[in-house]
Amino acid sequence: MNYRIIESGSSGNATIVENIILIDCGVSFKKLKDYYQELKLVLLTHIHSDHFNKTTLKKLAKERPTLRFGCCEWLVKDLIKCGVDKRNIDVYDNISSFKYSDNLIVTTFDLQHDVLNCGYKLFVNDKKYFYATDTNSLENIEAKDYDMYFIEGNYEDKKQLEERKQKHIEKGEYYYEDRVEKTHLSQVQATEWLMENTGSNSQYIFMHEHKEKVVV
């Protein structure tokens, strides 16, 4: 398998698959400078800035005027505002797969977040990739025997989330753990889903893991 996680987390998200597909564009253009020329398709999930960096998307549209972008209906207007030609936007639905070639097929599915959001199933060069972040559930979503799963795993379990919350309370700081439980999967929840879907040769990576800010 060929993939590179440029960044994953609240500070930004961007993953490159098989050198040609960028999933999420929530990082600076500088972080994509070694890769953007080879891209054939940019897949976007939702409007949050750590997944949808408008400045970077504007730069991509300018530097690669024929680059294709794929998204669900809710992101089309925002992409056009970033300077992406509407003719270069493939709008997906959850009813059918979008076939670019025998070696590239894209399927979307809805995810539960605090804004409209989707995940992706990719068939690329005989490999199957599953991508789902920023969701609190994968109920009724099936992806059997994929080669690679990029899956939400923001925190270990409820106990760890409560410990994090308590630390913030004691310091008199703002904490967002109440929101996290409603919008992000734990690693325990993700593992339960993976056990029902992975095959003997499958691999997975927890995405969007929370990192405590270090104060220097």
N, C-alpha and C. Protein backbone atom coordinates (compact mmCIF):
# COMPACT_ATOMS: atom_id res chain seq x y z
N MET A 1 0.83 -1.19 0.00
CA MET A 1 0.00 0.00 0.00
C MET A 1 0.87 1.24 0.00
N ASN A 2 0.33 2.27 -0.59
CA ASN A 2 1.09 3.49 -0.75
C ASN A 2 0.26 4.66 -0.23
N TYR A 3 0.63 5.20 0.90
CA TYR A 3 -0.11 6.33 1.47
C TYR A 3 0.84 7.16 2.33
N ARG A 4 0.44 8.40 2.54
CA ARG A 4 1.22 9.30 3.40
C ARG A 4 0.24 10.19 4.17
N ILE A 5 0.31 10.13 5.49
CA ILE A 5 -0.50 11.01 6.32
C ILE A 5 0.30 12.29 6.55
N ILE A 6 -0.09 13.36 5.88
CA ILE A 6 0.60 14.63 6.02
C ILE A 6 0.37 15.20 7.41
N GLU A 7 -0.88 15.12 7.85
CA GLU A 7 -1.23 15.57 9.20
C GLU A 7 -2.59 15.03 9.55
N SER A 8 -2.81 14.77 10.85
CA SER A 8 -4.10 14.28 11.31
C SER A 8 -4.35 14.77 12.73
N GLY A 9 -5.45 15.48 12.91
CA GLY A 9 -5.76 16.03 14.24
C GLY A 9 -6.43 17.37 14.10
N SER A 10 -6.71 18.00 15.24
CA SER A 10 -7.44 19.27 15.23
C SER A 10 -6.65 20.40 14.60
N SER A 11 -5.33 20.23 14.47
CA SER A 11 -4.50 21.27 13.84
C SER A 11 -4.51 21.17 12.32
N GLY A 12 -5.00 20.06 11.78
CA GLY A 12 -5.07 19.91 10.34
C GLY A 12 -5.14 18.46 9.93
N ASN A 13 -5.74 18.22 8.75
CA ASN A 13 -5.90 16.85 8.25
C ASN A 13 -5.64 16.80 6.75
N ALA A 14 -4.80 15.86 6.34
CA ALA A 14 -4.52 15.65 4.92
C ALA A 14 -3.82 14.31 4.77
N THR A 15 -4.37 13.45 3.92
CA THR A 15 -3.79 12.13 3.66
C THR A 15 -3.72 11.90 2.16
N ILE A 16 -2.57 11.43 1.70
CA ILE A 16 -2.39 11.16 0.28
C ILE A 16 -2.35 9.65 0.06
N VAL A 17 -3.15 9.18 -0.89
CA VAL A 17 -3.27 7.75 -1.20
C VAL A 17 -2.76 7.50 -2.61
N GLU A 18 -1.86 6.53 -2.74
CA GLU A 18 -1.32 6.11 -4.04
C GLU A 18 -0.75 7.28 -4.84
N ASN A 19 -0.25 8.27 -4.15
CA ASN A 19 0.40 9.46 -4.74
C ASN A 19 -0.55 10.38 -5.50
N ILE A 20 -1.76 9.95 -5.78
CA ILE A 20 -2.62 10.72 -6.69
C ILE A 20 -3.89 11.28 -6.05
N ILE A 21 -4.23 10.80 -4.86
CA ILE A 21 -5.48 11.24 -4.22
C ILE A 21 -5.18 11.90 -2.89
N LEU A 22 -5.66 13.12 -2.72
CA LEU A 22 -5.57 13.82 -1.44
C LEU A 22 -6.94 13.77 -0.77
N ILE A 23 -6.99 13.21 0.44
CA ILE A 23 -8.24 13.19 1.19
C ILE A 23 -8.12 14.20 2.32
N ASP A 24 -9.03 15.15 2.31
CA ASP A 24 -9.03 16.30 3.22
C ASP A 24 -7.88 17.24 2.87
N CYS A 25 -8.17 18.52 3.00
CA CYS A 25 -7.17 19.54 2.66
C CYS A 25 -7.21 20.60 3.76
N GLY A 26 -6.77 20.21 4.96
CA GLY A 26 -6.83 21.11 6.10
C GLY A 26 -5.47 21.55 6.58
N VAL A 27 -4.51 21.62 5.69
CA VAL A 27 -3.14 22.01 6.04
C VAL A 27 -2.70 23.16 5.13
N SER A 28 -1.56 23.74 5.45
CA SER A 28 -1.02 24.81 4.62
C SER A 28 -0.55 24.26 3.28
N PHE A 29 -0.51 25.11 2.28
CA PHE A 29 -0.04 24.68 0.96
C PHE A 29 1.41 24.22 1.04
N LYS A 30 2.18 24.84 1.92
CA LYS A 30 3.59 24.49 2.07
C LYS A 30 3.77 23.01 2.38
N LYS A 31 2.84 22.44 3.16
CA LYS A 31 2.95 21.03 3.53
C LYS A 31 2.63 20.10 2.36
N LEU A 32 2.04 20.66 1.32
CA LEU A 32 1.70 19.85 0.14
C LEU A 32 2.65 20.09 -1.03
N LYS A 33 3.63 20.95 -0.85
CA LYS A 33 4.45 21.40 -1.97
C LYS A 33 5.20 20.26 -2.67
N ASP A 34 5.53 19.19 -1.93
CA ASP A 34 6.26 18.08 -2.54
C ASP A 34 5.34 17.07 -3.21
N TYR A 35 4.02 17.28 -3.10
CA TYR A 35 3.08 16.26 -3.56
C TYR A 35 2.03 16.76 -4.55
N TYR A 36 1.72 18.06 -4.52
CA TYR A 36 0.52 18.53 -5.22
C TYR A 36 0.60 18.37 -6.74
N GLN A 37 1.82 18.34 -7.30
CA GLN A 37 1.93 18.23 -8.76
C GLN A 37 1.47 16.87 -9.28
N GLU A 38 1.57 15.84 -8.46
CA GLU A 38 1.18 14.49 -8.89
C GLU A 38 -0.30 14.20 -8.66
N LEU A 39 -0.98 15.04 -7.92
CA LEU A 39 -2.37 14.76 -7.57
C LEU A 39 -3.27 14.75 -8.79
N LYS A 40 -4.22 13.81 -8.77
CA LYS A 40 -5.24 13.75 -9.81
C LYS A 40 -6.63 14.06 -9.26
N LEU A 41 -6.78 13.91 -7.92
CA LEU A 41 -8.09 14.07 -7.32
C LEU A 41 -7.96 14.51 -5.87
N VAL A 42 -8.77 15.50 -5.48
CA VAL A 42 -8.83 15.96 -4.09
C VAL A 42 -10.22 15.66 -3.55
N LEU A 43 -10.31 14.85 -2.50
CA LEU A 43 -11.58 14.47 -1.89
C LEU A 43 -11.77 15.26 -0.59
N LEU A 44 -12.94 15.83 -0.42
CA LEU A 44 -13.22 16.66 0.75
C LEU A 44 -14.41 16.11 1.51
N THR A 45 -14.37 16.26 2.83
CA THR A 45 -15.38 15.63 3.69
C THR A 45 -16.36 16.62 4.29
N HIS A 46 -15.85 17.72 4.89
CA HIS A 46 -16.74 18.69 5.52
C HIS A 46 -16.05 20.04 5.65
N ILE A 47 -16.80 21.03 6.10
CA ILE A 47 -16.39 22.42 6.00
C ILE A 47 -15.44 22.88 7.10
N HIS A 48 -15.24 22.15 8.17
CA HIS A 48 -14.36 22.59 9.24
C HIS A 48 -12.96 22.88 8.70
N SER A 49 -12.36 23.95 9.19
CA SER A 49 -11.11 24.44 8.61
C SER A 49 -9.94 23.48 8.75
N ASP A 50 -9.99 22.56 9.72
CA ASP A 50 -8.89 21.59 9.83
C ASP A 50 -9.02 20.47 8.79
N HIS A 51 -10.08 20.54 7.99
CA HIS A 51 -10.26 19.60 6.87
C HIS A 51 -10.44 20.35 5.54
N PHE A 52 -10.79 21.62 5.62
CA PHE A 52 -11.12 22.42 4.45
C PHE A 52 -10.45 23.78 4.62
N ASN A 53 -9.15 23.83 4.25
CA ASN A 53 -8.38 25.06 4.38
C ASN A 53 -8.59 25.89 3.10
N LYS A 54 -9.35 26.95 3.22
CA LYS A 54 -9.73 27.72 2.03
C LYS A 54 -8.53 28.33 1.32
N THR A 55 -7.55 28.80 2.09
CA THR A 55 -6.36 29.39 1.49
C THR A 55 -5.60 28.38 0.65
N THR A 56 -5.45 27.16 1.18
CA THR A 56 -4.75 26.10 0.44
C THR A 56 -5.53 25.66 -0.79
N LEU A 57 -6.83 25.56 -0.65
CA LEU A 57 -7.66 25.16 -1.79
C LEU A 57 -7.60 26.20 -2.90
N LYS A 58 -7.58 27.47 -2.53
CA LYS A 58 -7.44 28.53 -3.54
C LYS A 58 -6.11 28.40 -4.28
N LYS A 59 -5.06 28.10 -3.52
CA LYS A 59 -3.73 27.94 -4.12
C LYS A 59 -3.70 26.72 -5.05
N LEU A 60 -4.30 25.63 -4.61
CA LEU A 60 -4.36 24.43 -5.46
C LEU A 60 -5.10 24.71 -6.76
N ALA A 61 -6.23 25.41 -6.64
CA ALA A 61 -7.02 25.72 -7.83
C ALA A 61 -6.24 26.60 -8.79
N LYS A 62 -5.42 27.49 -8.27
CA LYS A 62 -4.62 28.38 -9.11
C LYS A 62 -3.45 27.64 -9.76
N GLU A 63 -2.74 26.83 -8.95
CA GLU A 63 -1.55 26.13 -9.45
C GLU A 63 -1.89 24.95 -10.34
N ARG A 64 -3.05 24.31 -10.07
CA ARG A 64 -3.47 23.13 -10.85
C ARG A 64 -4.88 23.37 -11.38
N PRO A 65 -5.04 24.22 -12.38
CA PRO A 65 -6.37 24.62 -12.85
C PRO A 65 -7.22 23.49 -13.42
N THR A 66 -6.63 22.35 -13.75
CA THR A 66 -7.43 21.23 -14.28
C THR A 66 -7.59 20.10 -13.26
N LEU A 67 -7.08 20.30 -12.05
CA LEU A 67 -7.17 19.28 -11.00
C LEU A 67 -8.64 19.02 -10.66
N ARG A 68 -9.00 17.76 -10.48
CA ARG A 68 -10.37 17.40 -10.14
C ARG A 68 -10.55 17.37 -8.63
N PHE A 69 -11.77 17.79 -8.22
CA PHE A 69 -12.15 17.79 -6.82
C PHE A 69 -13.43 16.98 -6.68
N GLY A 70 -13.53 16.20 -5.60
CA GLY A 70 -14.72 15.42 -5.35
C GLY A 70 -15.28 15.73 -3.97
N CYS A 71 -16.61 15.88 -3.89
CA CYS A 71 -17.25 16.17 -2.61
C CYS A 71 -18.74 15.88 -2.72
N CYS A 72 -19.42 15.96 -1.59
CA CYS A 72 -20.87 15.88 -1.60
C CYS A 72 -21.44 17.29 -1.81
N GLU A 73 -22.72 17.37 -2.03
CA GLU A 73 -23.37 18.62 -2.44
C GLU A 73 -23.08 19.79 -1.51
N TRP A 74 -22.97 19.52 -0.22
CA TRP A 74 -22.85 20.62 0.75
C TRP A 74 -21.55 21.42 0.66
N LEU A 75 -20.57 20.96 -0.10
CA LEU A 75 -19.30 21.68 -0.20
C LEU A 75 -19.09 22.36 -1.55
N VAL A 76 -20.01 22.17 -2.47
CA VAL A 76 -19.82 22.67 -3.83
C VAL A 76 -19.68 24.19 -3.86
N LYS A 77 -20.59 24.91 -3.22
CA LYS A 77 -20.55 26.38 -3.25
C LYS A 77 -19.27 26.92 -2.64
N ASP A 78 -18.82 26.30 -1.55
CA ASP A 78 -17.60 26.76 -0.90
C ASP A 78 -16.38 26.50 -1.77
N LEU A 79 -16.37 25.38 -2.50
CA LEU A 79 -15.26 25.10 -3.41
C LEU A 79 -15.22 26.12 -4.55
N ILE A 80 -16.37 26.45 -5.08
CA ILE A 80 -16.43 27.44 -6.15
C ILE A 80 -15.92 28.79 -5.66
N LYS A 81 -16.26 29.15 -4.42
CA LYS A 81 -15.77 30.40 -3.82
C LYS A 81 -14.25 30.39 -3.69
N CYS A 82 -13.67 29.19 -3.58
CA CYS A 82 -12.20 29.08 -3.49
C CYS A 82 -11.53 29.15 -4.87
N GLY A 83 -12.33 29.34 -5.89
CA GLY A 83 -11.76 29.47 -7.23
C GLY A 83 -11.72 28.20 -8.04
N VAL A 84 -12.33 27.13 -7.52
CA VAL A 84 -12.37 25.87 -8.27
C VAL A 84 -13.46 25.96 -9.34
N ASP A 85 -13.09 25.65 -10.55
CA ASP A 85 -14.05 25.66 -11.66
C ASP A 85 -15.11 24.59 -11.40
N LYS A 86 -16.37 24.97 -11.52
CA LYS A 86 -17.45 24.03 -11.27
C LYS A 86 -17.33 22.78 -12.14
N ARG A 87 -16.77 22.95 -13.34
CA ARG A 87 -16.62 21.81 -14.26
C ARG A 87 -15.59 20.80 -13.75
N ASN A 88 -14.77 21.20 -12.77
CA ASN A 88 -13.76 20.30 -12.20
C ASN A 88 -14.23 19.64 -10.91
N ILE A 89 -15.49 19.84 -10.55
CA ILE A 89 -16.02 19.28 -9.29
C ILE A 89 -16.94 18.11 -9.59
N ASP A 90 -16.60 16.96 -9.04
CA ASP A 90 -17.47 15.78 -9.14
C ASP A 90 -18.30 15.71 -7.87
N VAL A 91 -19.61 15.74 -8.01
CA VAL A 91 -20.52 15.76 -6.86
C VAL A 91 -21.04 14.35 -6.62
N TYR A 92 -20.74 13.81 -5.44
CA TYR A 92 -21.08 12.43 -5.12
C TYR A 92 -22.41 12.35 -4.37
N ASP A 93 -23.05 11.21 -4.50
CA ASP A 93 -24.20 10.89 -3.67
C ASP A 93 -23.93 9.55 -2.99
N ASN A 94 -24.85 9.14 -2.13
CA ASN A 94 -24.65 7.90 -1.37
C ASN A 94 -25.39 6.73 -1.99
N ILE A 95 -25.82 6.91 -3.22
CA ILE A 95 -26.58 5.86 -3.88
C ILE A 95 -25.69 5.00 -4.77
N SER A 96 -24.72 5.64 -5.40
CA SER A 96 -23.90 4.91 -6.36
C SER A 96 -22.43 5.29 -6.22
N SER A 97 -21.57 4.49 -6.84
CA SER A 97 -20.15 4.76 -6.85
C SER A 97 -19.80 5.61 -8.07
N PHE A 98 -18.74 6.39 -7.94
CA PHE A 98 -18.27 7.24 -9.03
C PHE A 98 -17.03 6.57 -9.62
N LYS A 99 -17.15 6.12 -10.85
CA LYS A 99 -16.07 5.38 -11.47
C LYS A 99 -15.27 6.28 -12.41
N TYR A 100 -14.01 6.51 -12.06
CA TYR A 100 -13.12 7.29 -12.91
C TYR A 100 -12.45 6.39 -13.95
N SER A 101 -12.12 5.17 -13.51
CA SER A 101 -11.52 4.18 -14.40
C SER A 101 -11.62 2.83 -13.70
N ASP A 102 -11.14 1.78 -14.34
CA ASP A 102 -11.15 0.47 -13.69
C ASP A 102 -10.25 0.45 -12.45
N ASN A 103 -9.32 1.40 -12.38
CA ASN A 103 -8.37 1.45 -11.26
C ASN A 103 -8.69 2.53 -10.24
N LEU A 104 -9.81 3.22 -10.40
CA LEU A 104 -10.16 4.27 -9.44
C LEU A 104 -11.67 4.42 -9.34
N ILE A 105 -12.21 3.97 -8.20
CA ILE A 105 -13.65 4.07 -7.94
C ILE A 105 -13.83 4.68 -6.55
N VAL A 106 -14.74 5.65 -6.45
CA VAL A 106 -14.99 6.37 -5.19
C VAL A 106 -16.43 6.18 -4.76
N THR A 107 -16.62 5.83 -3.50
CA THR A 107 -17.96 5.71 -2.92
C THR A 107 -17.99 6.51 -1.63
N THR A 108 -19.07 7.24 -1.40
CA THR A 108 -19.20 8.03 -0.17
C THR A 108 -20.25 7.41 0.76
N PHE A 109 -20.19 7.82 2.01
CA PHE A 109 -21.22 7.44 2.99
C PHE A 109 -21.31 8.55 4.02
N ASP A 110 -22.51 8.74 4.58
CA ASP A 110 -22.74 9.80 5.57
C ASP A 110 -22.10 9.46 6.90
N LEU A 111 -21.58 10.49 7.56
CA LEU A 111 -21.04 10.35 8.92
C LEU A 111 -21.75 11.32 9.85
N GLN A 112 -21.82 10.97 11.12
CA GLN A 112 -22.52 11.79 12.10
C GLN A 112 -21.54 12.73 12.79
N HIS A 113 -21.69 14.01 12.50
CA HIS A 113 -20.83 15.03 13.09
C HIS A 113 -21.71 16.23 13.44
N ASP A 114 -21.13 17.37 13.78
CA ASP A 114 -21.96 18.55 14.07
C ASP A 114 -22.17 19.42 12.84
N VAL A 115 -21.62 18.99 11.72
CA VAL A 115 -21.94 19.57 10.41
C VAL A 115 -22.07 18.40 9.44
N LEU A 116 -22.60 18.67 8.26
CA LEU A 116 -22.69 17.61 7.25
C LEU A 116 -21.30 17.09 6.92
N ASN A 117 -21.16 15.77 6.89
CA ASN A 117 -19.84 15.15 6.77
C ASN A 117 -19.98 13.81 6.05
N CYS A 118 -18.94 13.41 5.36
CA CYS A 118 -18.97 12.10 4.70
C CYS A 118 -17.64 11.39 4.85
N GLY A 119 -17.66 10.10 4.63
CA GLY A 119 -16.45 9.28 4.58
C GLY A 119 -16.30 8.72 3.18
N TYR A 120 -15.18 8.03 2.95
CA TYR A 120 -14.90 7.52 1.60
C TYR A 120 -14.47 6.06 1.62
N LYS A 121 -14.94 5.33 0.62
CA LYS A 121 -14.43 4.01 0.28
C LYS A 121 -13.76 4.15 -1.08
N LEU A 122 -12.49 3.78 -1.14
CA LEU A 122 -11.73 3.95 -2.38
C LEU A 122 -11.22 2.62 -2.89
N PHE A 123 -11.36 2.42 -4.18
CA PHE A 123 -10.75 1.27 -4.86
C PHE A 123 -9.71 1.86 -5.80
N VAL A 124 -8.44 1.72 -5.43
CA VAL A 124 -7.35 2.35 -6.18
C VAL A 124 -6.26 1.32 -6.46
N ASN A 125 -5.98 1.10 -7.72
CA ASN A 125 -4.89 0.19 -8.10
C ASN A 125 -4.97 -1.16 -7.38
N ASP A 126 -6.15 -1.73 -7.37
CA ASP A 126 -6.40 -3.04 -6.76
C ASP A 126 -6.32 -3.04 -5.23
N LYS A 127 -6.26 -1.87 -4.61
CA LYS A 127 -6.26 -1.75 -3.15
C LYS A 127 -7.56 -1.09 -2.71
N LYS A 128 -8.03 -1.49 -1.52
CA LYS A 128 -9.27 -0.92 -0.97
C LYS A 128 -8.93 -0.12 0.29
N TYR A 129 -9.32 1.16 0.26
CA TYR A 129 -9.07 2.06 1.38
C TYR A 129 -10.39 2.55 1.96
N PHE A 130 -10.43 2.64 3.28
CA PHE A 130 -11.61 3.15 3.99
C PHE A 130 -11.17 4.37 4.80
N TYR A 131 -11.92 5.47 4.69
CA TYR A 131 -11.55 6.71 5.38
C TYR A 131 -12.77 7.27 6.09
N ALA A 132 -12.68 7.37 7.42
CA ALA A 132 -13.80 7.92 8.20
C ALA A 132 -13.26 8.63 9.44
N THR A 133 -13.38 9.95 9.44
CA THR A 133 -12.97 10.72 10.62
C THR A 133 -14.06 11.72 10.98
N ASP A 134 -13.95 12.27 12.19
CA ASP A 134 -14.92 13.26 12.69
C ASP A 134 -16.34 12.70 12.67
N THR A 135 -16.52 11.61 13.39
CA THR A 135 -17.83 10.99 13.51
C THR A 135 -17.95 10.32 14.87
N ASN A 136 -19.17 10.23 15.38
CA ASN A 136 -19.36 9.56 16.67
C ASN A 136 -19.96 8.17 16.50
N SER A 137 -20.12 7.74 15.24
CA SER A 137 -20.72 6.42 15.02
C SER A 137 -20.39 5.91 13.63
N LEU A 138 -20.23 4.59 13.53
CA LEU A 138 -20.12 3.92 12.24
C LEU A 138 -21.23 2.87 12.10
N GLU A 139 -22.30 3.07 12.85
CA GLU A 139 -23.43 2.15 12.81
C GLU A 139 -24.01 2.08 11.40
N ASN A 140 -24.29 0.88 10.96
CA ASN A 140 -24.88 0.60 9.65
C ASN A 140 -23.92 0.86 8.48
N ILE A 141 -22.64 1.07 8.79
CA ILE A 141 -21.64 1.21 7.74
C ILE A 141 -20.79 -0.05 7.70
N GLU A 142 -20.68 -0.64 6.53
CA GLU A 142 -19.94 -1.90 6.40
C GLU A 142 -18.83 -1.74 5.37
N ALA A 143 -17.66 -2.29 5.69
CA ALA A 143 -16.53 -2.27 4.76
C ALA A 143 -15.67 -3.50 5.06
N LYS A 144 -16.04 -4.60 4.50
CA LYS A 144 -15.40 -5.88 4.80
C LYS A 144 -14.09 -6.06 4.03
N ASP A 145 -13.07 -6.51 4.78
CA ASP A 145 -11.81 -6.97 4.18
C ASP A 145 -11.11 -5.90 3.34
N TYR A 146 -11.12 -4.67 3.81
CA TYR A 146 -10.36 -3.64 3.10
C TYR A 146 -8.87 -3.77 3.44
N ASP A 147 -8.04 -3.22 2.59
CA ASP A 147 -6.60 -3.29 2.83
C ASP A 147 -6.16 -2.33 3.92
N MET A 148 -6.73 -1.11 3.91
CA MET A 148 -6.35 -0.11 4.90
C MET A 148 -7.57 0.65 5.38
N TYR A 149 -7.62 0.84 6.70
CA TYR A 149 -8.68 1.63 7.32
C TYR A 149 -8.06 2.84 8.00
N PHE A 150 -8.41 4.03 7.53
CA PHE A 150 -8.08 5.27 8.23
C PHE A 150 -9.33 5.61 9.04
N ILE A 151 -9.26 5.42 10.34
CA ILE A 151 -10.48 5.46 11.13
C ILE A 151 -10.34 6.35 12.37
N GLU A 152 -11.39 7.09 12.62
CA GLU A 152 -11.43 7.98 13.78
C GLU A 152 -11.10 7.23 15.08
N GLY A 153 -10.21 7.82 15.87
CA GLY A 153 -9.89 7.27 17.19
C GLY A 153 -9.39 8.40 18.08
N ASN A 154 -10.25 9.38 18.33
CA ASN A 154 -9.85 10.63 18.97
C ASN A 154 -9.35 10.44 20.39
N TYR A 155 -9.97 9.51 21.12
CA TYR A 155 -9.58 9.27 22.52
C TYR A 155 -9.72 7.78 22.81
N GLU A 156 -9.09 7.32 23.89
CA GLU A 156 -9.07 5.88 24.18
C GLU A 156 -10.46 5.37 24.54
N ASP A 157 -11.04 5.93 25.59
CA ASP A 157 -12.34 5.49 26.07
C ASP A 157 -12.95 6.58 26.94
N LYS A 158 -14.13 6.35 27.46
CA LYS A 158 -14.83 7.36 28.26
C LYS A 158 -14.05 7.72 29.53
N LYS A 159 -13.37 6.74 30.11
CA LYS A 159 -12.60 7.01 31.32
C LYS A 159 -11.51 8.04 31.03
N GLN A 160 -10.79 7.85 29.93
CA GLN A 160 -9.74 8.80 29.60
C GLN A 160 -10.32 10.18 29.30
N LEU A 161 -11.48 10.22 28.65
CA LEU A 161 -12.11 11.49 28.33
C LEU A 161 -12.50 12.23 29.61
N GLU A 162 -13.02 11.50 30.58
CA GLU A 162 -13.39 12.12 31.86
C GLU A 162 -12.16 12.64 32.60
N GLU A 163 -11.06 11.91 32.51
CA GLU A 163 -9.82 12.36 33.15
C GLU A 163 -9.31 13.64 32.51
N ARG A 164 -9.40 13.71 31.23
CA ARG A 164 -9.01 14.92 30.52
C ARG A 164 -9.88 16.09 30.94
N LYS A 165 -11.18 15.85 31.01
CA LYS A 165 -12.10 16.90 31.40
C LYS A 165 -11.79 17.42 32.79
N GLN A 166 -11.54 16.50 33.71
CA GLN A 166 -11.27 16.88 35.10
C GLN A 166 -10.02 17.74 35.22
N LYS A 167 -9.00 17.43 34.43
CA LYS A 167 -7.76 18.22 34.46
C LYS A 167 -8.03 19.66 34.04
N HIS A 168 -8.87 19.83 33.05
CA HIS A 168 -9.20 21.18 32.59
C HIS A 168 -10.02 21.93 33.64
N ILE A 169 -10.95 21.21 34.27
CA ILE A 169 -11.78 21.83 35.30
C ILE A 169 -10.91 22.32 36.46
N GLU A 170 -9.99 21.48 36.88
CA GLU A 170 -9.12 21.83 38.00
C GLU A 170 -8.25 23.05 37.70
N LYS A 171 -7.88 23.22 36.43
CA LYS A 171 -7.05 24.35 36.04
C LYS A 171 -7.88 25.59 35.70
N GLY A 172 -9.20 25.43 35.76
CA GLY A 172 -10.06 26.55 35.42
C GLY A 172 -10.05 26.89 33.94
N GLU A 173 -9.73 25.89 33.11
CA GLU A 173 -9.63 26.11 31.68
C GLU A 173 -10.91 25.68 30.97
N TYR A 174 -11.07 26.23 29.78
CA TYR A 174 -12.16 25.75 28.92
C TYR A 174 -11.83 24.33 28.47
N TYR A 175 -12.81 23.48 28.43
CA TYR A 175 -12.59 22.13 27.93
C TYR A 175 -13.67 21.79 26.90
N TYR A 176 -13.32 20.93 25.97
CA TYR A 176 -14.24 20.61 24.89
C TYR A 176 -14.62 19.13 24.88
N GLU A 177 -14.32 18.43 25.96
CA GLU A 177 -14.56 16.98 25.97
C GLU A 177 -16.03 16.62 25.86
N ASP A 178 -16.94 17.47 26.35
CA ASP A 178 -18.37 17.17 26.20
C ASP A 178 -18.74 17.12 24.72
N ARG A 179 -18.18 18.04 23.94
CA ARG A 179 -18.44 18.07 22.50
C ARG A 179 -17.80 16.86 21.83
N VAL A 180 -16.59 16.50 22.28
CA VAL A 180 -15.85 15.40 21.65
C VAL A 180 -16.65 14.10 21.69
N GLU A 181 -17.26 13.80 22.82
CA GLU A 181 -17.99 12.55 22.94
C GLU A 181 -19.18 12.49 21.98
N LYS A 182 -19.71 13.66 21.62
CA LYS A 182 -20.87 13.71 20.74
C LYS A 182 -20.47 13.72 19.26
N THR A 183 -19.19 13.98 18.99
CA THR A 183 -18.79 14.18 17.59
C THR A 183 -17.62 13.31 17.14
N HIS A 184 -17.01 12.54 18.05
CA HIS A 184 -15.83 11.77 17.68
C HIS A 184 -15.88 10.36 18.28
N LEU A 185 -15.36 9.40 17.54
CA LEU A 185 -15.28 8.01 18.01
C LEU A 185 -14.12 7.83 18.98
N SER A 186 -14.30 6.96 19.95
CA SER A 186 -13.19 6.53 20.79
C SER A 186 -12.48 5.37 20.10
N GLN A 187 -11.27 5.08 20.56
CA GLN A 187 -10.54 3.95 20.00
C GLN A 187 -11.22 2.62 20.35
N VAL A 188 -11.88 2.57 21.49
CA VAL A 188 -12.63 1.36 21.85
C VAL A 188 -13.77 1.14 20.87
N GLN A 189 -14.53 2.20 20.58
CA GLN A 189 -15.64 2.08 19.62
C GLN A 189 -15.12 1.70 18.23
N ALA A 190 -14.03 2.34 17.82
CA ALA A 190 -13.46 2.05 16.50
C ALA A 190 -12.99 0.60 16.42
N THR A 191 -12.37 0.12 17.48
CA THR A 191 -11.86 -1.25 17.50
C THR A 191 -13.00 -2.26 17.39
N GLU A 192 -14.11 -1.99 18.07
CA GLU A 192 -15.26 -2.89 17.99
C GLU A 192 -15.75 -2.99 16.55
N TRP A 193 -15.79 -1.85 15.85
CA TRP A 193 -16.23 -1.85 14.45
C TRP A 193 -15.20 -2.57 13.58
N LEU A 194 -13.93 -2.31 13.83
CA LEU A 194 -12.88 -2.95 13.05
C LEU A 194 -12.92 -4.47 13.17
N MET A 195 -13.21 -4.97 14.34
CA MET A 195 -13.25 -6.42 14.57
C MET A 195 -14.33 -7.08 13.71
N GLU A 196 -15.35 -6.32 13.37
CA GLU A 196 -16.45 -6.85 12.56
C GLU A 196 -16.18 -6.72 11.06
N ASN A 197 -15.15 -5.95 10.70
CA ASN A 197 -14.95 -5.64 9.29
C ASN A 197 -13.58 -6.03 8.72
N THR A 198 -12.54 -5.99 9.53
CA THR A 198 -11.21 -6.26 8.99
C THR A 198 -11.02 -7.73 8.64
N GLY A 199 -10.14 -7.96 7.67
CA GLY A 199 -9.75 -9.31 7.29
C GLY A 199 -8.39 -9.63 7.86
N SER A 200 -7.89 -10.81 7.56
CA SER A 200 -6.62 -11.27 8.14
C SER A 200 -5.43 -10.43 7.69
N ASN A 201 -5.53 -9.78 6.55
CA ASN A 201 -4.41 -8.97 6.04
C ASN A 201 -4.67 -7.47 6.11
N SER A 202 -5.76 -7.09 6.74
CA SER A 202 -6.10 -5.68 6.83
C SER A 202 -5.18 -4.93 7.79
N GLN A 203 -4.98 -3.65 7.52
CA GLN A 203 -4.25 -2.76 8.41
C GLN A 203 -5.13 -1.57 8.75
N TYR A 204 -4.83 -0.90 9.86
CA TYR A 204 -5.62 0.27 10.22
C TYR A 204 -4.75 1.27 10.97
N ILE A 205 -5.18 2.52 10.94
CA ILE A 205 -4.51 3.60 11.67
C ILE A 205 -5.58 4.46 12.32
N PHE A 206 -5.41 4.74 13.61
CA PHE A 206 -6.32 5.66 14.27
C PHE A 206 -6.00 7.08 13.83
N MET A 207 -7.01 7.78 13.38
CA MET A 207 -6.84 9.14 12.88
C MET A 207 -7.42 10.14 13.88
N HIS A 208 -7.00 11.39 13.71
CA HIS A 208 -7.56 12.49 14.49
C HIS A 208 -7.41 12.27 15.99
N GLU A 209 -6.30 11.62 16.40
CA GLU A 209 -6.06 11.41 17.84
C GLU A 209 -5.81 12.75 18.52
N HIS A 210 -6.40 12.90 19.69
CA HIS A 210 -6.23 14.14 20.45
C HIS A 210 -4.81 14.26 20.98
N LYS A 211 -4.25 15.46 20.87
CA LYS A 211 -2.92 15.74 21.43
C LYS A 211 -3.03 16.93 22.36
N GLU A 212 -2.60 16.74 23.59
CA GLU A 212 -2.64 17.85 24.55
C GLU A 212 -1.63 18.90 24.12
N LYS A 213 -2.03 20.16 24.21
CA LYS A 213 -1.11 21.25 23.88
C LYS A 213 -0.03 21.37 24.95
N VAL A 214 1.19 21.50 24.50
CA VAL A 214 2.31 21.65 25.42
C VAL A 214 2.61 23.12 25.60
N VAL A 215 2.55 23.59 26.85
CA VAL A 215 2.82 24.99 27.14
C VAL A 215 4.28 25.12 27.55
N VAL A 216 5.01 25.94 26.80
CA VAL A 216 6.43 26.12 27.08
C VAL A 216 6.66 27.40 27.85
